[in-house]
């Protein structure tokens, strides 16, 4: 059993070592990654404010489109996201960040978010993942159809 004196000396040594370490600087938060994390945080809310939506997506003419709320609702099932890859798009002033997120008992899902700079921050211009895409894909033209002669 340690004597009381040895215990005091050991505790003093531990405190001296801990107090002698420099305080680490906070890790700077990358604005693009912060915007992606804000997207997932916003999706998890039941009633996100119009101000937060405008900060993340930019101003919309008139009201915020209903399909954005639908897409955020679909994204809400994703758990905390883990960043996988970051890539600048050549020729465009845009960035793509790929992530992976837990989908509850359904495993994990791969997500992709495209951002563009907006001053000191980044705005989301596009995102997609399992069962969600914003802005929604639009059909171009009549499409290709075939039917038997007859």
N, C-alpha and C. Protein backbone atom coordinates (compact mmCIF):
# COMPACT_ATOMS: atom_id res chain seq x y z
N UNK A 1 0.84 -1.17 0.00
CA UNK A 1 0.00 0.00 0.00
C UNK A 1 0.89 1.24 0.00
N UNK A 2 0.52 2.23 -0.74
CA UNK A 2 1.31 3.45 -0.83
C UNK A 2 1.15 4.27 0.45
N UNK A 3 2.27 4.80 0.86
CA UNK A 3 2.18 5.68 2.02
C UNK A 3 1.56 6.99 1.60
N UNK A 4 1.08 7.71 2.58
CA UNK A 4 0.43 8.99 2.30
C UNK A 4 1.41 9.95 1.65
N UNK A 5 2.66 9.92 2.08
CA UNK A 5 3.68 10.82 1.53
C UNK A 5 3.93 10.49 0.07
N UNK A 6 4.05 9.20 -0.29
CA UNK A 6 4.27 8.81 -1.69
C UNK A 6 3.07 9.20 -2.55
N UNK A 7 1.89 9.06 -2.03
CA UNK A 7 0.68 9.43 -2.77
C UNK A 7 0.66 10.93 -3.06
N UNK A 8 1.04 11.75 -2.10
CA UNK A 8 1.08 13.20 -2.29
C UNK A 8 2.14 13.56 -3.31
N UNK A 9 3.30 12.91 -3.24
CA UNK A 9 4.38 13.19 -4.20
C UNK A 9 3.94 12.79 -5.61
N UNK A 10 3.28 11.65 -5.75
CA UNK A 10 2.83 11.19 -7.06
C UNK A 10 1.78 12.14 -7.63
N UNK A 11 0.84 12.57 -6.80
CA UNK A 11 -0.19 13.50 -7.25
C UNK A 11 0.43 14.83 -7.67
N UNK A 12 1.43 15.31 -6.92
CA UNK A 12 2.10 16.56 -7.26
C UNK A 12 2.84 16.43 -8.60
N UNK A 13 3.44 15.28 -8.84
CA UNK A 13 4.16 15.06 -10.11
C UNK A 13 3.18 15.07 -11.28
N UNK A 14 2.04 14.42 -11.13
CA UNK A 14 1.03 14.41 -12.19
C UNK A 14 0.53 15.82 -12.47
N UNK A 15 0.25 16.59 -11.43
CA UNK A 15 -0.21 17.97 -11.62
C UNK A 15 0.86 18.83 -12.28
N UNK A 16 2.11 18.63 -11.90
CA UNK A 16 3.20 19.41 -12.50
C UNK A 16 3.31 19.12 -13.99
N UNK A 17 3.16 17.86 -14.37
CA UNK A 17 3.22 17.50 -15.79
C UNK A 17 2.04 18.08 -16.55
N UNK A 18 0.86 17.97 -15.97
CA UNK A 18 -0.35 18.46 -16.65
C UNK A 18 -0.34 19.97 -16.79
N UNK A 19 0.15 20.66 -15.77
CA UNK A 19 0.16 22.12 -15.82
C UNK A 19 1.24 22.66 -16.73
N UNK A 20 2.27 21.88 -16.99
CA UNK A 20 3.37 22.34 -17.83
C UNK A 20 3.09 22.25 -19.31
N UNK A 21 2.00 21.57 -19.73
CA UNK A 21 1.69 21.42 -21.15
C UNK A 21 1.09 22.70 -21.69
N UNK A 22 1.48 23.06 -22.92
CA UNK A 22 0.87 24.24 -23.53
C UNK A 22 -0.60 23.97 -23.85
N UNK A 23 -1.40 25.00 -23.75
CA UNK A 23 -2.82 24.89 -24.10
C UNK A 23 -2.92 24.83 -25.62
N UNK A 24 -3.61 23.82 -26.12
CA UNK A 24 -3.71 23.69 -27.58
C UNK A 24 -4.71 24.70 -28.12
N UNK A 25 -4.40 25.18 -29.31
CA UNK A 25 -5.29 26.11 -29.99
C UNK A 25 -6.51 25.35 -30.48
N UNK A 26 -7.68 25.99 -30.49
CA UNK A 26 -8.84 25.30 -31.05
C UNK A 26 -8.61 25.02 -32.53
N UNK A 27 -9.05 23.87 -32.99
CA UNK A 27 -8.90 23.50 -34.38
C UNK A 27 -9.80 24.39 -35.22
N UNK A 28 -9.23 25.08 -36.24
CA UNK A 28 -10.08 25.95 -37.06
C UNK A 28 -11.13 25.13 -37.79
N UNK A 29 -12.33 25.66 -37.87
CA UNK A 29 -13.42 24.98 -38.55
C UNK A 29 -13.44 25.45 -40.00
N UNK A 30 -13.39 24.51 -40.92
CA UNK A 30 -13.45 24.83 -42.33
C UNK A 30 -14.87 25.30 -42.67
N UNK A 31 -15.02 26.47 -43.29
CA UNK A 31 -16.37 27.00 -43.56
C UNK A 31 -17.22 26.09 -44.45
N UNK A 32 -16.62 25.42 -45.42
CA UNK A 32 -17.40 24.52 -46.29
C UNK A 32 -17.89 23.32 -45.50
N UNK A 33 -17.03 22.73 -44.70
CA UNK A 33 -17.44 21.59 -43.88
C UNK A 33 -18.47 22.02 -42.83
N UNK A 34 -18.34 23.23 -42.32
CA UNK A 34 -19.33 23.75 -41.36
C UNK A 34 -20.70 23.88 -42.03
N UNK A 35 -20.72 24.30 -43.30
CA UNK A 35 -21.99 24.42 -44.03
C UNK A 35 -22.64 23.05 -44.22
N UNK A 36 -21.83 22.04 -44.51
CA UNK A 36 -22.38 20.69 -44.69
C UNK A 36 -22.93 20.17 -43.36
N UNK A 37 -22.22 20.41 -42.29
CA UNK A 37 -22.71 19.98 -40.97
C UNK A 37 -24.00 20.74 -40.59
N UNK A 38 -24.07 22.00 -40.99
CA UNK A 38 -25.28 22.81 -40.75
C UNK A 38 -26.45 22.23 -41.54
N UNK A 39 -26.20 21.75 -42.75
CA UNK A 39 -27.25 21.14 -43.56
C UNK A 39 -27.88 19.96 -42.80
N UNK A 40 -27.04 19.08 -42.25
CA UNK A 40 -27.56 17.93 -41.53
C UNK A 40 -28.23 18.35 -40.22
N UNK A 41 -27.70 19.36 -39.56
CA UNK A 41 -28.31 19.86 -38.33
C UNK A 41 -29.68 20.50 -38.63
N UNK A 42 -29.76 21.25 -39.71
CA UNK A 42 -31.00 21.90 -40.11
C UNK A 42 -32.06 20.86 -40.46
N UNK A 43 -31.64 19.79 -41.14
CA UNK A 43 -32.57 18.72 -41.52
C UNK A 43 -33.14 18.01 -40.29
N UNK A 44 -32.36 17.95 -39.23
CA UNK A 44 -32.81 17.26 -38.01
C UNK A 44 -33.85 18.07 -37.24
N UNK A 45 -33.98 19.36 -37.53
CA UNK A 45 -34.96 20.21 -36.84
C UNK A 45 -36.35 20.02 -37.44
N UNK A 46 -37.36 20.12 -36.61
CA UNK A 46 -38.73 19.97 -37.11
C UNK A 46 -39.24 21.22 -37.80
N UNK A 47 -38.77 22.39 -37.39
CA UNK A 47 -39.24 23.64 -37.98
C UNK A 47 -38.07 24.62 -38.10
N UNK A 48 -37.19 24.41 -39.09
CA UNK A 48 -36.04 25.32 -39.21
C UNK A 48 -36.48 26.73 -39.57
N UNK A 49 -35.75 27.71 -39.04
CA UNK A 49 -36.13 29.11 -39.31
C UNK A 49 -35.78 29.50 -40.74
N UNK A 50 -36.57 30.42 -41.27
CA UNK A 50 -36.34 30.93 -42.63
C UNK A 50 -34.98 31.60 -42.73
N UNK A 51 -34.53 32.23 -41.64
CA UNK A 51 -33.22 32.90 -41.63
C UNK A 51 -32.09 31.89 -41.80
N UNK A 52 -32.16 30.77 -41.09
CA UNK A 52 -31.12 29.74 -41.22
C UNK A 52 -31.14 29.12 -42.61
N UNK A 53 -32.33 28.92 -43.16
CA UNK A 53 -32.43 28.37 -44.52
C UNK A 53 -31.82 29.34 -45.52
N UNK A 54 -32.12 30.63 -45.38
CA UNK A 54 -31.56 31.63 -46.29
C UNK A 54 -30.04 31.70 -46.16
N UNK A 55 -29.52 31.60 -44.96
CA UNK A 55 -28.07 31.62 -44.76
C UNK A 55 -27.41 30.45 -45.46
N UNK A 56 -28.04 29.27 -45.40
CA UNK A 56 -27.45 28.07 -45.95
C UNK A 56 -27.69 27.89 -47.45
N UNK A 57 -28.85 28.35 -47.94
CA UNK A 57 -29.22 28.13 -49.34
C UNK A 57 -29.30 29.40 -50.17
N UNK A 58 -29.28 30.56 -49.55
CA UNK A 58 -29.47 31.80 -50.28
C UNK A 58 -30.93 32.19 -50.27
N UNK A 59 -31.21 33.37 -50.76
CA UNK A 59 -32.58 33.88 -50.77
C UNK A 59 -33.34 33.28 -51.94
N UNK A 60 -34.59 32.96 -51.71
CA UNK A 60 -35.47 32.47 -52.76
C UNK A 60 -36.44 33.58 -53.12
N UNK A 61 -36.86 33.59 -54.38
CA UNK A 61 -37.88 34.55 -54.78
C UNK A 61 -39.19 34.09 -54.18
N UNK A 62 -39.79 34.91 -53.35
CA UNK A 62 -41.02 34.51 -52.67
C UNK A 62 -40.71 33.59 -51.51
N UNK A 63 -41.59 32.64 -51.26
CA UNK A 63 -41.43 31.72 -50.14
C UNK A 63 -40.41 30.63 -50.46
N UNK A 64 -39.89 30.03 -49.41
CA UNK A 64 -38.98 28.90 -49.57
C UNK A 64 -39.76 27.78 -50.24
N UNK A 65 -39.20 27.18 -51.30
CA UNK A 65 -39.95 26.14 -52.02
C UNK A 65 -40.27 24.93 -51.13
N UNK A 66 -41.47 24.41 -51.30
CA UNK A 66 -41.92 23.26 -50.51
C UNK A 66 -41.01 22.05 -50.72
N UNK A 67 -40.48 21.88 -51.94
CA UNK A 67 -39.64 20.71 -52.18
C UNK A 67 -38.33 20.77 -51.39
N UNK A 68 -37.89 21.96 -50.99
CA UNK A 68 -36.71 22.03 -50.13
C UNK A 68 -37.05 21.48 -48.74
N UNK A 69 -38.21 21.87 -48.22
CA UNK A 69 -38.64 21.33 -46.92
C UNK A 69 -38.81 19.81 -47.00
N UNK A 70 -39.36 19.31 -48.11
CA UNK A 70 -39.52 17.87 -48.29
C UNK A 70 -38.16 17.17 -48.32
N UNK A 71 -37.20 17.77 -49.00
CA UNK A 71 -35.85 17.19 -49.09
C UNK A 71 -35.16 17.21 -47.74
N UNK A 72 -35.32 18.30 -46.99
CA UNK A 72 -34.74 18.36 -45.65
C UNK A 72 -35.37 17.31 -44.75
N UNK A 73 -36.67 17.11 -44.89
CA UNK A 73 -37.35 16.09 -44.10
C UNK A 73 -36.82 14.70 -44.43
N UNK A 74 -36.59 14.42 -45.72
CA UNK A 74 -36.04 13.13 -46.12
C UNK A 74 -34.61 12.96 -45.61
N UNK A 75 -33.87 14.04 -45.54
CA UNK A 75 -32.48 14.01 -45.06
C UNK A 75 -32.42 13.83 -43.54
N UNK A 76 -33.52 14.12 -42.86
CA UNK A 76 -33.52 14.09 -41.40
C UNK A 76 -33.30 12.70 -40.81
N UNK A 77 -33.52 11.66 -41.60
CA UNK A 77 -33.32 10.30 -41.09
C UNK A 77 -31.85 9.93 -40.97
N UNK A 78 -30.97 10.73 -41.56
CA UNK A 78 -29.53 10.45 -41.52
C UNK A 78 -28.96 10.85 -40.16
N UNK A 79 -28.10 10.01 -39.65
CA UNK A 79 -27.43 10.31 -38.38
C UNK A 79 -26.24 11.22 -38.61
N UNK A 80 -25.36 11.32 -37.64
CA UNK A 80 -24.18 12.18 -37.79
C UNK A 80 -23.37 11.77 -39.03
N UNK A 81 -22.96 12.76 -39.79
CA UNK A 81 -22.25 12.51 -41.04
C UNK A 81 -20.74 12.49 -40.82
N UNK A 82 -20.08 11.62 -41.58
CA UNK A 82 -18.62 11.52 -41.55
C UNK A 82 -18.12 11.93 -42.94
N UNK A 83 -17.27 12.94 -42.99
CA UNK A 83 -16.76 13.43 -44.26
C UNK A 83 -15.79 12.41 -44.86
N UNK A 84 -16.00 12.12 -46.14
CA UNK A 84 -15.16 11.15 -46.84
C UNK A 84 -14.19 11.80 -47.81
N UNK A 85 -14.69 12.76 -48.58
CA UNK A 85 -13.88 13.33 -49.65
C UNK A 85 -14.34 14.74 -49.94
N UNK A 86 -13.39 15.53 -50.39
CA UNK A 86 -13.65 16.93 -50.74
C UNK A 86 -12.97 17.18 -52.07
N UNK A 87 -13.71 17.77 -53.01
CA UNK A 87 -13.14 17.97 -54.34
C UNK A 87 -13.62 19.28 -54.94
N UNK A 88 -12.69 20.06 -55.45
CA UNK A 88 -13.06 21.29 -56.17
C UNK A 88 -13.45 20.92 -57.58
N UNK A 89 -14.49 21.56 -58.09
CA UNK A 89 -14.93 21.28 -59.45
C UNK A 89 -14.16 22.17 -60.42
N UNK A 90 -13.43 21.57 -61.34
CA UNK A 90 -12.63 22.36 -62.28
C UNK A 90 -13.52 23.24 -63.16
N UNK A 91 -13.11 24.48 -63.33
CA UNK A 91 -13.83 25.41 -64.18
C UNK A 91 -15.02 26.07 -63.50
N UNK A 92 -15.38 25.62 -62.33
CA UNK A 92 -16.49 26.21 -61.58
C UNK A 92 -15.95 26.65 -60.23
N UNK A 93 -16.55 27.65 -59.68
CA UNK A 93 -16.18 28.09 -58.34
C UNK A 93 -17.05 27.33 -57.34
N UNK A 94 -16.94 26.00 -57.39
CA UNK A 94 -17.77 25.14 -56.55
C UNK A 94 -16.93 24.02 -55.94
N UNK A 95 -17.50 23.43 -54.92
CA UNK A 95 -16.84 22.38 -54.17
C UNK A 95 -17.85 21.28 -53.91
N UNK A 96 -17.39 20.02 -53.98
CA UNK A 96 -18.25 18.88 -53.66
C UNK A 96 -17.66 18.19 -52.44
N UNK A 97 -18.52 17.90 -51.48
CA UNK A 97 -18.11 17.15 -50.31
C UNK A 97 -18.97 15.90 -50.25
N UNK A 98 -18.30 14.75 -50.20
CA UNK A 98 -18.98 13.46 -50.08
C UNK A 98 -18.91 13.01 -48.63
N UNK A 99 -20.01 12.43 -48.16
CA UNK A 99 -20.11 12.02 -46.76
C UNK A 99 -20.76 10.65 -46.67
N UNK A 100 -20.70 10.14 -45.46
CA UNK A 100 -21.39 8.91 -45.13
C UNK A 100 -22.12 9.15 -43.82
N UNK A 101 -23.36 8.67 -43.73
CA UNK A 101 -24.14 8.89 -42.52
C UNK A 101 -24.91 7.63 -42.17
N UNK A 102 -25.11 7.44 -40.88
CA UNK A 102 -25.89 6.31 -40.39
C UNK A 102 -27.36 6.51 -40.76
N UNK A 103 -28.01 5.42 -41.12
CA UNK A 103 -29.43 5.47 -41.46
C UNK A 103 -30.24 4.63 -40.48
N UNK A 104 -29.93 4.77 -39.22
CA UNK A 104 -30.63 3.99 -38.20
C UNK A 104 -30.31 2.52 -38.35
N UNK A 105 -31.32 1.69 -38.42
CA UNK A 105 -31.10 0.25 -38.56
C UNK A 105 -30.87 -0.16 -40.01
N UNK A 106 -30.97 0.78 -40.94
CA UNK A 106 -30.80 0.47 -42.35
C UNK A 106 -29.36 0.57 -42.83
N UNK A 107 -28.39 0.71 -41.92
CA UNK A 107 -26.98 0.78 -42.31
C UNK A 107 -26.52 2.21 -42.51
N UNK A 108 -25.71 2.41 -43.53
CA UNK A 108 -25.19 3.74 -43.81
C UNK A 108 -25.57 4.15 -45.23
N UNK A 109 -25.55 5.45 -45.47
CA UNK A 109 -25.86 5.98 -46.78
C UNK A 109 -24.79 6.95 -47.22
N UNK A 110 -24.56 7.01 -48.53
CA UNK A 110 -23.59 7.94 -49.10
C UNK A 110 -24.33 9.19 -49.56
N UNK A 111 -23.80 10.35 -49.19
CA UNK A 111 -24.39 11.63 -49.55
C UNK A 111 -23.34 12.48 -50.25
N UNK A 112 -23.81 13.39 -51.08
CA UNK A 112 -22.94 14.32 -51.77
C UNK A 112 -23.58 15.70 -51.71
N UNK A 113 -22.76 16.71 -51.40
CA UNK A 113 -23.25 18.08 -51.28
C UNK A 113 -22.37 18.98 -52.14
N UNK A 114 -23.00 19.81 -52.96
CA UNK A 114 -22.26 20.77 -53.79
C UNK A 114 -22.48 22.16 -53.20
N UNK A 115 -21.38 22.89 -53.05
CA UNK A 115 -21.42 24.21 -52.43
C UNK A 115 -20.75 25.24 -53.31
N UNK A 116 -21.15 26.50 -53.12
CA UNK A 116 -20.47 27.61 -53.78
C UNK A 116 -20.16 28.67 -52.73
N UNK A 117 -19.07 29.42 -52.93
CA UNK A 117 -18.71 30.43 -51.92
C UNK A 117 -19.73 31.56 -51.89
N UNK A 118 -19.93 32.07 -50.68
CA UNK A 118 -20.83 33.21 -50.46
C UNK A 118 -20.19 34.08 -49.39
N UNK A 119 -19.25 34.92 -49.79
CA UNK A 119 -18.53 35.74 -48.83
C UNK A 119 -17.59 34.88 -48.00
N UNK A 120 -17.74 34.92 -46.69
CA UNK A 120 -16.88 34.14 -45.79
C UNK A 120 -17.41 32.75 -45.53
N UNK A 121 -18.53 32.40 -46.13
CA UNK A 121 -19.14 31.10 -45.89
C UNK A 121 -19.41 30.41 -47.22
N UNK A 122 -20.12 29.31 -47.18
CA UNK A 122 -20.47 28.55 -48.37
C UNK A 122 -21.97 28.31 -48.36
N UNK A 123 -22.56 28.26 -49.56
CA UNK A 123 -23.99 27.98 -49.70
C UNK A 123 -24.17 26.63 -50.38
N UNK A 124 -25.18 25.92 -49.94
CA UNK A 124 -25.53 24.64 -50.55
C UNK A 124 -26.32 24.91 -51.82
N UNK A 125 -25.85 24.36 -52.94
CA UNK A 125 -26.57 24.53 -54.20
C UNK A 125 -27.19 23.22 -54.68
N UNK A 126 -26.76 22.10 -54.07
CA UNK A 126 -27.25 20.80 -54.51
C UNK A 126 -26.86 19.76 -53.48
N UNK A 127 -27.73 18.81 -53.21
CA UNK A 127 -27.36 17.65 -52.40
C UNK A 127 -28.19 16.45 -52.79
N UNK A 128 -27.61 15.28 -52.57
CA UNK A 128 -28.35 14.05 -52.84
C UNK A 128 -27.82 12.93 -51.97
N UNK A 129 -28.67 11.95 -51.79
CA UNK A 129 -28.34 10.77 -51.00
C UNK A 129 -29.46 9.76 -51.17
N UNK A 130 -29.47 8.72 -50.35
CA UNK A 130 -30.52 7.71 -50.47
C UNK A 130 -31.91 8.30 -50.27
N UNK A 131 -32.71 8.28 -51.32
CA UNK A 131 -34.09 8.75 -51.24
C UNK A 131 -34.26 10.26 -51.20
N UNK A 132 -33.20 11.03 -51.48
CA UNK A 132 -33.31 12.48 -51.42
C UNK A 132 -32.43 13.12 -52.50
N UNK A 133 -32.98 14.14 -53.13
CA UNK A 133 -32.21 14.94 -54.09
C UNK A 133 -32.80 16.34 -54.11
N UNK A 134 -31.94 17.34 -53.97
CA UNK A 134 -32.39 18.72 -54.06
C UNK A 134 -31.37 19.52 -54.84
N UNK A 135 -31.78 20.38 -55.76
CA UNK A 135 -33.15 20.52 -56.22
C UNK A 135 -33.60 19.25 -56.93
N UNK A 136 -34.91 19.04 -56.99
CA UNK A 136 -35.40 17.81 -57.61
C UNK A 136 -35.01 17.76 -59.08
N UNK A 137 -34.78 16.57 -59.54
CA UNK A 137 -34.43 16.39 -60.94
C UNK A 137 -35.64 16.74 -61.80
N UNK A 138 -35.39 17.48 -62.86
CA UNK A 138 -36.50 17.82 -63.76
C UNK A 138 -36.34 17.04 -65.04
N UNK A 139 -37.45 16.68 -65.61
CA UNK A 139 -37.43 15.97 -66.88
C UNK A 139 -37.23 16.96 -68.00
N UNK A 140 -36.46 16.56 -68.95
CA UNK A 140 -36.23 17.41 -70.12
C UNK A 140 -36.93 16.78 -71.31
N UNK A 141 -37.83 17.50 -71.92
CA UNK A 141 -38.51 17.00 -73.10
C UNK A 141 -39.45 15.87 -72.78
N UNK A 142 -39.88 15.17 -73.84
CA UNK A 142 -40.84 14.09 -73.69
C UNK A 142 -40.18 12.78 -73.27
N UNK A 143 -38.90 12.68 -73.45
CA UNK A 143 -38.22 11.43 -73.11
C UNK A 143 -38.30 10.44 -74.25
N UNK A 144 -37.69 9.32 -74.08
CA UNK A 144 -37.63 8.29 -75.09
C UNK A 144 -38.62 7.20 -74.72
N UNK A 145 -39.48 6.89 -75.63
CA UNK A 145 -40.46 5.81 -75.39
C UNK A 145 -40.44 4.86 -76.57
N UNK A 146 -40.85 3.68 -76.30
CA UNK A 146 -41.00 2.72 -77.41
C UNK A 146 -42.23 1.89 -77.13
N UNK A 147 -42.88 1.48 -78.18
CA UNK A 147 -44.04 0.62 -78.04
C UNK A 147 -44.10 -0.30 -79.26
N UNK A 148 -44.64 -1.46 -79.06
CA UNK A 148 -44.69 -2.39 -80.21
C UNK A 148 -45.65 -1.89 -81.26
N UNK A 149 -45.34 -2.25 -82.51
CA UNK A 149 -46.23 -1.91 -83.61
C UNK A 149 -47.46 -2.78 -83.48
N UNK A 150 -48.55 -2.23 -83.80
CA UNK A 150 -49.63 -3.15 -83.74
C UNK A 150 -50.94 -2.70 -83.86
